Amino acid sequence: MPACDIGLVGLAVMGENLVLNMESRGYQVAVFNRTVSKVDDFVKRNPGKKLTGCHSLHELVGSLKSPRKIMMMVKAGPAVDELIAELVPLLSKGDILIDGGNSYFPDTNRRTVEIEKAGLLYVGTGVSGGEEGALKGPSIMPGGSAAAWPEVKEILQKISAKVGPKADIPCCEWVGPSGSGHYVKMVHNGIEYGDMQLICEAYFILKNALGLTNDELYRVFDRWNRTELESYLIEITRDIFTVPDPQGEGQLVDKILDTAQQKGTGKWMSQHALDLGTPTTLITEAVFARCLSAQKAARVRASKVFPPSAKRYAGDRDKFIEDIRQALYASKICSYAQGFVQLEAAAAEFKWDLNYGNVSLLWRGGCIIRARFLEDIKRAFDKNAKLENLLLDDFFAAAIRKAEPSWRHVVAQSVELGLPAPGFAAALTYFDGYRRDRLPANLLQAQRDYFGAHTYQRIDKEGAFHTDWIRARKLP
């Protein structure tokens, strides 16, 4: 009789670690990989564990209890569709396919419909936490066929990270229909882009405006990790400054080439923000900052034409460090505010009924953006489930008011010293625009109507209006 509780296809590092996580929770796991030798090697490296190595998809399917549950950990894109096409003829009504990769949410929307038409169930789930999270407990964001959730809930929640006073609250809860789980993962990754960019800007200002050494940077980030900024990313940033160069003198961080790579999820979020018309400006700036960093040769040439200033900040050193912390905190609030605004816009667009407080809970443990801060977001949505922007919550509004003078001072000083701080500046500009009841778009609409007869609306009358601006001119 079939003995395995779940199957997994794709034995790269994430796949292997998820299998070991499942096995450690008491599950018998069947595994398959295109390169069959990897299956044998994996089973051999883990003697005595409840693993069943399979040399074909047919063998994998035959080893599973009904309803069969198969998690796909293959590269996002065509490879997922190809694997689904091979699996569907082997499965029976009610069997479940789980895509645990970084699939783009429209693909998951489409696949959910196609799989359900075939009589099967589909789960598109975000998995965050990297290699260690996959092994010890990631954040898991499942969406898709609602009927699949009762069948996969136990195993996904058992392998997820746990939080709370008793470490018994799983960072895994059903998100919603079709591609909503992968959309939440995309927003998570976009916020991750923003968080990382803001931390890097804080580091750059501390290093170049104040001349802090790596030892001093360690102590600063260590202090910050005991404040509202307490988070996984602040923690690992602190630790990075302690690692010596294994191939020479000094610290490793100073020997790393300043060109950032990306896998595309931040770009996806920015692209869809434009489709929705949501101003996700900070995350988009974080994507562009990575693009600019990649133009290393061009930047080196430009630095010879426009040599950067070596000017340092002349004011109170400790006060400026605190100002940078406050600017980082306020900008982080704006980043999450933009992320949830886009999530709400997507939910309205696709008719997803999402619980935003629960979304913030999914990120409290296991994932890259896990932070104390998320408890405050959960409380904000508990108070008002229809909160349109985190900036309007009393707690976050008070935090912004407190941080605002420092925030402005840091952005102004960065401009004065010639230090790029696109994340800090984008967040501040978003805040200033969001809180204005009137923006200069009235003039923009007049321009559009002047050259293209696009019409405009008035503040005192209903309807669309057009003016012959040339004939209506009355020159002074």
Protein backbone atom coordinates (compact mmCIF):
# COMPACT_ATOMS: atom_id res chain seq x y z
CA MET A 1 0.00 0.00 0.00
CA PRO A 2 1.17 3.58 -0.65
CA ALA A 3 2.98 4.78 2.47
CA CYS A 4 4.10 8.35 1.81
CA ASP A 5 2.28 11.38 3.19
CA ILE A 6 3.59 13.85 0.62
CA GLY A 7 5.86 13.96 -2.41
CA LEU A 8 8.33 16.63 -3.41
CA VAL A 9 9.84 17.25 -6.85
CA GLY A 10 13.03 19.30 -7.10
CA LEU A 11 16.01 18.55 -4.88
CA ALA A 12 17.87 21.83 -4.99
CA VAL A 13 18.87 23.20 -1.57
CA MET A 14 15.41 24.60 -0.73
CA GLY A 15 13.71 21.38 -1.80
CA GLU A 16 16.10 19.17 0.17
CA ASN A 17 15.69 21.26 3.32
CA LEU A 18 11.90 21.28 3.08
CA VAL A 19 11.97 17.46 2.76
CA LEU A 20 14.16 17.15 5.87
CA ASN A 21 11.84 19.56 7.69
CA MET A 22 8.80 17.45 6.77
CA GLU A 23 10.54 14.22 7.74
CA SER A 24 11.56 15.67 11.11
CA ARG A 25 7.87 16.36 11.85
CA GLY A 26 7.03 12.69 11.41
CA TYR A 27 6.05 12.54 7.74
CA GLN A 28 7.11 9.91 5.22
CA VAL A 29 8.27 11.86 2.15
CA ALA A 30 8.67 10.65 -1.42
CA VAL A 31 11.22 12.56 -3.49
CA PHE A 32 12.03 12.87 -7.18
CA ASN A 33 14.45 14.94 -9.23
CA ARG A 34 15.02 15.13 -12.99
CA THR A 35 18.63 14.17 -12.44
CA VAL A 36 17.87 10.84 -10.80
CA SER A 37 21.35 10.50 -9.34
CA LYS A 38 20.48 13.41 -7.02
CA VAL A 39 17.64 11.32 -5.59
CA ASP A 40 19.92 8.42 -4.75
CA ASP A 41 22.60 10.74 -3.37
CA PHE A 42 20.08 12.57 -1.16
CA VAL A 43 18.65 9.37 0.29
CA LYS A 44 22.16 7.98 0.83
CA ARG A 45 23.23 11.14 2.67
CA ASN A 46 20.27 10.78 5.04
CA PRO A 47 20.26 7.16 6.24
CA GLY A 48 17.56 6.07 8.63
CA LYS A 49 15.16 8.86 7.68
CA LYS A 50 11.61 8.32 6.43
CA LEU A 51 12.44 9.03 2.79
CA THR A 52 11.37 7.20 -0.35
CA GLY A 53 13.55 7.88 -3.36
CA CYS A 54 11.72 7.66 -6.69
CA HIS A 55 13.24 7.32 -10.15
CA SER A 56 10.17 8.51 -12.09
CA LEU A 57 7.09 10.68 -11.59
CA HIS A 58 4.96 7.54 -12.06
CA GLU A 59 6.81 5.90 -9.17
CA LEU A 60 6.41 9.06 -7.05
CA VAL A 61 2.66 9.22 -7.64
CA GLY A 62 2.28 5.51 -6.89
CA SER A 63 3.98 5.90 -3.51
CA LEU A 64 1.54 8.51 -2.15
CA LYS A 65 -1.49 8.15 0.07
CA SER A 66 -4.77 9.52 -1.27
CA PRO A 67 -5.51 12.34 -1.78
CA ARG A 68 -2.01 12.67 -3.19
CA LYS A 69 -0.10 15.81 -2.28
CA ILE A 70 2.88 16.79 -4.44
CA MET A 71 5.00 19.87 -3.77
CA MET A 72 6.85 21.27 -6.76
CA MET A 73 10.14 23.03 -5.99
CA VAL A 74 11.33 23.75 -9.51
CA LYS A 75 12.37 26.96 -11.24
CA ALA A 76 9.48 29.38 -11.74
CA GLY A 77 8.15 29.75 -15.27
CA PRO A 78 7.88 27.16 -18.07
CA ALA A 79 9.44 24.41 -15.94
CA VAL A 80 6.40 24.49 -13.63
CA ASP A 81 3.98 24.16 -16.57
CA GLU A 82 6.02 21.32 -18.04
CA LEU A 83 6.01 19.45 -14.74
CA ILE A 84 2.25 19.98 -14.30
CA ALA A 85 1.62 18.66 -17.82
CA GLU A 86 3.47 15.45 -16.92
CA LEU A 87 1.82 15.03 -13.52
CA VAL A 88 -1.85 15.70 -14.35
CA PRO A 89 -2.40 12.46 -16.38
CA LEU A 90 -0.99 10.43 -13.47
CA LEU A 91 -3.28 11.93 -10.81
CA SER A 92 -6.86 11.31 -9.71
CA LYS A 93 -9.74 13.60 -8.78
CA GLY A 94 -9.04 15.54 -5.58
CA ASP A 95 -5.26 15.15 -5.72
CA ILE A 96 -3.30 18.29 -4.88
CA LEU A 97 -0.40 20.05 -6.57
CA ILE A 98 1.54 22.60 -4.51
CA ASP A 99 3.83 25.14 -6.19
CA GLY A 100 6.32 26.28 -3.56
CA GLY A 101 8.51 28.31 -5.91
CA ASN A 102 8.61 32.05 -6.62
CA SER A 103 6.00 31.91 -9.38
CA TYR A 104 4.56 35.13 -10.79
CA PHE A 105 1.00 35.43 -9.50
CA PRO A 106 -0.77 35.61 -12.94
CA ASP A 107 0.73 32.20 -13.70
CA THR A 108 -0.77 30.89 -10.47
CA ASN A 109 -4.14 32.49 -11.32
CA ARG A 110 -4.10 30.65 -14.65
CA ARG A 111 -2.83 27.34 -13.28
CA THR A 112 -5.45 27.25 -10.53
CA VAL A 113 -8.23 27.48 -13.13
CA GLU A 114 -6.62 24.88 -15.39
CA ILE A 115 -5.92 22.39 -12.59
CA GLU A 116 -9.42 22.71 -11.15
CA LYS A 117 -10.89 22.07 -14.61
CA ALA A 118 -8.92 18.82 -14.62
CA GLY A 119 -10.62 17.79 -11.37
CA LEU A 120 -7.56 18.44 -9.22
CA LEU A 121 -6.71 21.04 -6.58
CA TYR A 122 -3.95 23.61 -6.75
CA VAL A 123 -2.00 25.52 -4.10
CA GLY A 124 0.38 28.35 -4.99
CA THR A 125 2.35 29.12 -1.88
CA GLY A 126 5.05 31.59 -1.05
CA VAL A 127 7.88 30.14 1.05
CA SER A 128 10.28 32.57 2.69
CA GLY A 129 13.25 32.07 4.95
CA GLY A 130 16.03 30.87 2.72
CA GLU A 131 17.86 27.61 3.26
CA GLU A 132 17.80 27.78 7.07
CA GLY A 133 14.11 28.67 7.13
CA ALA A 134 13.24 25.79 4.82
CA LEU A 135 14.98 23.39 7.20
CA LYS A 136 13.92 24.79 10.57
CA GLY A 137 10.65 26.56 9.77
CA PRO A 138 9.83 29.06 7.02
CA SER A 139 7.03 31.56 6.61
CA ILE A 140 4.45 29.91 4.34
CA MET A 141 1.79 31.87 2.39
CA PRO A 142 -0.63 29.44 0.70
CA GLY A 143 -3.45 30.35 -1.69
CA GLY A 144 -5.35 28.69 -4.52
CA SER A 145 -8.09 26.04 -4.35
CA ALA A 146 -9.85 26.54 -1.01
CA ALA A 147 -10.83 22.85 -0.89
CA ALA A 148 -7.14 21.94 -0.71
CA TRP A 149 -6.51 23.79 2.55
CA PRO A 150 -8.02 21.19 4.94
CA GLU A 151 -5.86 18.54 3.28
CA VAL A 152 -2.54 20.44 3.42
CA LYS A 153 -3.09 22.59 6.51
CA GLU A 154 -1.59 20.22 9.06
CA ILE A 155 1.66 19.53 7.24
CA LEU A 156 2.25 23.13 6.10
CA GLN A 157 1.58 24.53 9.56
CA LYS A 158 3.75 21.87 11.21
CA ILE A 159 6.75 22.70 9.06
CA SER A 160 6.32 26.47 9.32
CA ALA A 161 8.02 28.82 11.78
CA LYS A 162 6.29 29.27 15.14
CA VAL A 163 5.90 32.48 17.14
CA GLY A 164 4.10 33.71 20.25
CA PRO A 165 4.82 33.39 23.97
CA LYS A 166 4.64 29.60 23.73
CA ALA A 167 6.12 29.40 20.22
CA ASP A 168 2.96 27.64 19.08
CA ILE A 169 1.45 30.06 16.55
CA PRO A 170 2.33 28.90 13.01
CA CYS A 171 3.53 31.44 10.45
CA CYS A 172 1.25 29.78 7.95
CA GLU A 173 -2.42 30.53 7.31
CA TRP A 174 -4.65 30.35 4.27
CA VAL A 175 -4.36 33.59 2.30
CA GLY A 176 -7.10 33.35 -0.30
CA PRO A 177 -8.04 32.18 -3.81
CA SER A 178 -5.99 31.68 -6.98
CA GLY A 179 -2.67 33.57 -7.00
CA SER A 180 -3.16 35.49 -3.75
CA GLY A 181 -0.57 33.44 -1.85
CA HIS A 182 2.10 34.15 -4.44
CA TYR A 183 0.99 37.79 -4.55
CA VAL A 184 1.55 38.10 -0.80
CA LYS A 185 4.99 36.53 -1.27
CA MET A 186 5.73 39.05 -4.04
CA VAL A 187 4.75 41.91 -1.70
CA HIS A 188 6.93 40.35 1.01
CA ASN A 189 9.88 40.32 -1.41
CA GLY A 190 9.20 43.89 -2.50
CA ILE A 191 9.18 45.07 1.11
CA GLU A 192 12.39 43.08 1.59
CA TYR A 193 13.94 45.09 -1.27
CA GLY A 194 12.85 48.31 0.45
CA ASP A 195 14.10 47.27 3.89
CA MET A 196 17.49 46.23 2.55
CA GLN A 197 17.91 49.44 0.56
CA LEU A 198 17.04 51.61 3.58
CA ILE A 199 19.49 49.74 5.80
CA CYS A 200 22.19 50.12 3.15
CA GLU A 201 21.53 53.86 2.94
CA ALA A 202 21.78 54.18 6.72
CA TYR A 203 25.10 52.30 6.58
CA PHE A 204 26.38 54.50 3.74
CA ILE A 205 25.55 57.72 5.59
CA LEU A 206 27.05 56.46 8.86
CA LYS A 207 30.22 55.42 7.05
CA ASN A 208 30.67 58.43 4.78
CA ALA A 209 29.12 61.32 6.70
CA LEU A 210 30.46 60.29 10.12
CA GLY A 211 33.38 58.03 9.25
CA LEU A 212 32.25 55.13 11.45
CA THR A 213 34.49 52.07 11.49
CA ASN A 214 33.11 48.57 11.11
CA ASP A 215 33.45 48.03 14.87
CA GLU A 216 31.47 51.20 15.50
CA LEU A 217 28.89 50.16 12.90
CA TYR A 218 28.52 46.84 14.71
CA ARG A 219 27.79 48.65 17.97
CA VAL A 220 25.29 51.02 16.31
CA PHE A 221 23.31 48.22 14.66
CA ASP A 222 23.48 46.18 17.85
CA ARG A 223 21.85 49.07 19.74
CA TRP A 224 19.28 49.56 17.00
CA ASN A 225 18.34 45.90 17.21
CA ARG A 226 17.10 46.55 20.75
CA THR A 227 14.67 49.26 19.59
CA GLU A 228 11.64 49.44 17.29
CA LEU A 229 13.98 48.37 14.49
CA GLU A 230 14.56 44.91 15.98
CA SER A 231 14.51 42.53 13.01
CA TYR A 232 16.31 39.75 11.22
CA LEU A 233 17.79 42.15 8.65
CA ILE A 234 19.17 44.53 11.29
CA GLU A 235 20.59 41.53 13.17
CA ILE A 236 22.42 40.08 10.17
CA THR A 237 23.65 43.54 9.15
CA ARG A 238 25.18 43.91 12.61
CA ASP A 239 26.90 40.55 12.29
CA ILE A 240 28.28 41.26 8.81
CA PHE A 241 30.55 43.96 10.24
CA THR A 242 32.32 41.37 12.44
CA VAL A 243 33.51 39.03 9.67
CA PRO A 244 37.20 39.33 8.72
CA ASP A 245 38.37 38.86 5.15
CA PRO A 246 39.41 35.17 4.92
CA GLN A 247 41.74 36.00 2.02
CA GLY A 248 43.48 39.07 3.37
CA GLU A 249 43.47 41.87 5.90
CA GLY A 250 40.51 43.95 7.04
CA GLN A 251 36.79 43.13 6.98
CA LEU A 252 35.07 41.07 4.30
CA VAL A 253 32.25 43.59 3.73
CA ASP A 254 34.76 46.16 2.44
CA LYS A 255 36.10 43.71 -0.18
CA ILE A 256 32.72 42.90 -1.73
CA LEU A 257 31.99 44.45 -5.14
CA ASP A 258 29.23 47.08 -4.89
CA THR A 259 26.96 45.63 -7.59
CA ALA A 260 23.66 44.16 -6.38
CA GLN A 261 21.85 41.32 -8.08
CA GLN A 262 18.13 40.54 -8.12
CA LYS A 263 15.82 37.68 -9.09
CA GLY A 264 12.91 39.80 -10.31
CA THR A 265 10.23 39.67 -7.60
CA GLY A 266 10.82 43.30 -6.60
CA LYS A 267 10.55 44.28 -10.26
CA TRP A 268 7.29 42.33 -10.55
CA MET A 269 5.83 44.27 -7.65
CA SER A 270 6.83 47.62 -9.17
CA GLN A 271 5.46 46.62 -12.56
CA HIS A 272 2.12 45.61 -11.09
CA ALA A 273 2.02 48.79 -8.99
CA LEU A 274 2.04 50.69 -12.31
CA ASP A 275 -0.75 48.45 -13.64
CA LEU A 276 -2.85 49.12 -10.53
CA GLY A 277 -1.94 52.81 -10.31
CA THR A 278 -0.62 52.51 -6.76
CA PRO A 279 2.34 54.72 -5.75
CA THR A 280 4.75 52.04 -4.53
CA THR A 281 7.59 54.50 -4.86
CA LEU A 282 10.09 53.34 -2.24
CA ILE A 283 10.19 49.73 -3.39
CA THR A 284 10.52 50.88 -6.99
CA GLU A 285 13.44 53.12 -5.99
CA ALA A 286 15.02 50.11 -4.30
CA VAL A 287 14.79 48.19 -7.58
CA PHE A 288 16.30 51.10 -9.49
CA ALA A 289 19.09 51.41 -6.89
CA ARG A 290 20.10 47.82 -7.66
CA CYS A 291 19.99 48.60 -11.39
CA LEU A 292 22.24 51.65 -10.88
CA SER A 293 24.64 49.63 -8.74
CA ALA A 294 25.03 47.18 -11.63
CA GLN A 295 26.40 49.99 -13.84
CA LYS A 296 29.76 49.79 -12.07
CA ALA A 297 32.03 50.66 -15.00
CA ALA A 298 29.91 53.68 -15.91
CA ARG A 299 29.90 54.87 -12.30
CA VAL A 300 33.67 54.60 -12.10
CA ARG A 301 34.00 56.74 -15.24
CA ALA A 302 31.51 59.30 -13.91
CA SER A 303 33.35 59.51 -10.58
CA LYS A 304 36.40 60.82 -12.46
CA VAL A 305 34.34 63.53 -14.16
CA PHE A 306 32.37 64.42 -11.01
CA PRO A 307 34.60 63.48 -8.05
CA PRO A 308 32.46 62.88 -4.91
CA SER A 309 32.88 65.28 -2.03
CA ALA A 310 34.83 64.05 0.99
CA LYS A 311 32.98 66.48 3.24
CA ARG A 312 31.83 65.06 6.61
CA TYR A 313 28.91 65.97 8.84
CA ALA A 314 30.00 68.72 11.23
CA GLY A 315 27.26 68.52 13.85
CA ASP A 316 26.67 66.39 16.94
CA ARG A 317 27.75 62.84 16.02
CA ASP A 318 25.56 60.92 18.48
CA LYS A 319 22.52 63.07 17.70
CA PHE A 320 22.96 62.42 13.98
CA ILE A 321 23.19 58.67 14.56
CA GLU A 322 19.85 58.85 16.35
CA ASP A 323 18.44 60.98 13.51
CA ILE A 324 19.46 58.26 11.04
CA ARG A 325 17.73 55.62 13.19
CA GLN A 326 14.55 57.68 13.23
CA ALA A 327 14.75 58.26 9.47
CA LEU A 328 15.18 54.52 8.93
CA TYR A 329 12.17 53.76 11.12
CA ALA A 330 9.90 56.35 9.45
CA SER A 331 10.95 55.23 5.97
CA LYS A 332 10.31 51.60 6.95
CA ILE A 333 6.78 52.53 8.01
CA CYS A 334 6.20 54.10 4.60
CA SER A 335 7.57 51.02 2.85
CA TYR A 336 5.14 48.70 4.63
CA ALA A 337 2.33 51.21 4.17
CA GLN A 338 2.91 51.19 0.42
CA GLY A 339 3.10 47.40 0.39
CA PHE A 340 -0.25 46.97 2.12
CA VAL A 341 -1.88 49.66 -0.04
CA GLN A 342 -0.81 47.71 -3.13
CA LEU A 343 -2.03 44.46 -1.58
CA GLU A 344 -5.41 46.05 -0.91
CA ALA A 345 -5.58 47.36 -4.49
CA ALA A 346 -4.77 43.90 -5.87
CA ALA A 347 -7.41 42.32 -3.63
CA ALA A 348 -10.00 44.75 -5.00
CA GLU A 349 -8.84 44.10 -8.58
CA PHE A 350 -9.04 40.30 -8.30
CA LYS A 351 -11.88 40.14 -5.76
CA TRP A 352 -9.77 38.48 -3.08
CA ASP A 353 -11.08 38.72 0.49
CA LEU A 354 -7.80 39.05 2.39
CA ASN A 355 -7.16 39.39 6.11
CA TYR A 356 -4.31 41.91 6.33
CA GLY A 357 -3.70 41.30 10.03
CA ASN A 358 -3.19 37.61 9.28
CA VAL A 359 -0.82 38.52 6.44
CA SER A 360 1.37 40.44 8.88
CA LEU A 361 1.34 37.40 11.21
CA LEU A 362 2.67 35.21 8.40
CA TRP A 363 5.80 37.39 8.37
CA ARG A 364 6.50 37.42 12.11
CA GLY A 365 8.80 34.40 11.97
CA GLY A 366 10.80 32.34 9.51
CA CYS A 367 10.94 34.94 6.74
CA ILE A 368 13.51 37.55 5.75
CA ILE A 369 11.45 40.57 6.89
CA ARG A 370 10.54 39.12 10.28
CA ALA A 371 10.54 41.91 12.84
CA ARG A 372 9.04 43.20 16.07
CA PHE A 373 7.44 45.88 13.92
CA LEU A 374 4.94 43.37 12.48
CA GLU A 375 3.19 43.03 15.84
CA ASP A 376 2.29 46.72 15.56
CA ILE A 377 0.92 46.19 12.04
CA LYS A 378 -1.23 43.29 13.28
CA ARG A 379 -2.64 45.49 16.05
CA ALA A 380 -3.38 48.25 13.54
CA PHE A 381 -5.47 45.92 11.36
CA ASP A 382 -7.10 44.35 14.41
CA LYS A 383 -8.34 47.83 15.36
CA ASN A 384 -9.50 48.59 11.83
CA ALA A 385 -9.72 45.73 9.34
CA LYS A 386 -10.42 48.25 6.55
CA LEU A 387 -7.50 50.56 7.40
CA GLU A 388 -6.66 52.24 4.08
CA ASN A 389 -3.09 53.17 4.97
CA LEU A 390 -0.86 52.32 7.94
CA LEU A 391 0.07 56.00 8.18
CA LEU A 392 -3.47 56.70 9.38
CA ASP A 393 -3.22 54.32 12.34
CA ASP A 394 -2.74 56.21 15.64
CA PHE A 395 0.41 54.27 16.60
CA PHE A 396 2.17 54.79 13.28
CA ALA A 397 0.97 58.39 12.93
CA ALA A 398 2.55 59.16 16.32
CA ALA A 399 5.79 57.42 15.29
CA ILE A 400 5.95 59.46 12.06
CA ARG A 401 5.35 62.73 13.90
CA LYS A 402 8.14 61.91 16.33
CA ALA A 403 10.58 60.91 13.59
CA GLU A 404 9.74 63.64 11.08
CA PRO A 405 12.32 66.30 12.14
CA SER A 406 15.13 63.73 12.17
CA TRP A 407 13.94 62.25 8.89
CA ARG A 408 14.00 65.63 7.13
CA HIS A 409 17.39 66.46 8.62
CA VAL A 410 18.95 63.21 7.37
CA VAL A 411 17.56 63.61 3.84
CA ALA A 412 18.69 67.25 3.72
CA GLN A 413 22.17 66.42 4.98
CA SER A 414 22.49 63.56 2.51
CA VAL A 415 21.70 65.94 -0.33
CA GLU A 416 24.09 68.54 1.08
CA LEU A 417 26.92 66.00 1.36
CA GLY A 418 26.24 64.38 -2.00
CA LEU A 419 25.32 60.99 -0.51
CA PRO A 420 22.63 59.13 -2.46
CA ALA A 421 19.65 58.21 -0.27
CA PRO A 422 16.88 57.40 -2.78
CA GLY A 423 14.93 55.22 -0.34
CA PHE A 424 14.84 57.78 2.46
CA ALA A 425 13.96 60.55 0.00
CA ALA A 426 11.28 58.51 -1.81
CA ALA A 427 9.63 57.64 1.51
CA LEU A 428 9.66 61.25 2.68
CA THR A 429 8.32 62.52 -0.66
CA TYR A 430 5.54 59.92 -0.54
CA PHE A 431 4.62 61.04 2.96
CA ASP A 432 4.59 64.70 1.96
CA GLY A 433 2.46 63.95 -1.10
CA TYR A 434 0.05 61.65 0.74
CA ARG A 435 -0.73 64.20 3.45
CA ARG A 436 -1.45 67.06 1.00
CA ASP A 437 -5.13 67.61 0.27
CA ARG A 438 -4.13 69.44 -2.91
CA LEU A 439 -1.28 68.59 -5.29
CA PRO A 440 -0.13 70.33 -8.51
CA ALA A 441 -1.98 67.80 -10.67
CA ASN A 442 -4.54 70.53 -11.45
CA LEU A 443 -1.89 72.22 -13.60
CA LEU A 444 -0.94 68.86 -15.11
CA GLN A 445 -4.54 68.25 -16.15
CA ALA A 446 -4.69 71.73 -17.68
CA GLN A 447 -1.54 70.92 -19.69
CA ARG A 448 -3.03 67.64 -20.93
CA ASP A 449 -6.23 69.36 -21.97
CA TYR A 450 -4.27 72.18 -23.67
CA PHE A 451 -2.18 69.92 -25.92
CA GLY A 452 -4.44 66.91 -26.26
CA ALA A 453 -8.02 67.88 -25.38
CA HIS A 454 -8.00 65.19 -22.69
CA THR A 455 -10.54 67.15 -20.58
CA TYR A 456 -10.41 67.89 -16.87
CA GLN A 457 -12.70 67.86 -13.86
CA ARG A 458 -13.58 70.87 -11.70
CA ILE A 459 -13.67 71.18 -7.92
CA ASP A 460 -17.04 72.99 -8.01
CA LYS A 461 -19.02 71.12 -10.69
CA GLU A 462 -19.61 67.54 -11.82
CA GLY A 463 -18.60 66.27 -15.24
CA ALA A 464 -15.73 66.50 -17.71
CA PHE A 465 -14.71 69.82 -19.22
CA HIS A 466 -12.60 71.03 -22.12
CA THR A 467 -11.27 74.50 -22.81
CA ASP A 468 -9.86 76.04 -25.98
CA TRP A 469 -6.85 77.34 -24.09
CA ILE A 470 -5.40 79.35 -26.99
CA ARG A 471 -8.62 81.28 -27.57
CA ALA A 472 -9.26 81.66 -23.84
CA ARG A 473 -5.88 83.25 -23.14
CA LYS A 474 -5.82 86.71 -21.60
CA LEU A 475 -2.20 87.75 -21.62
CA PRO A 476 -1.06 90.14 -18.85
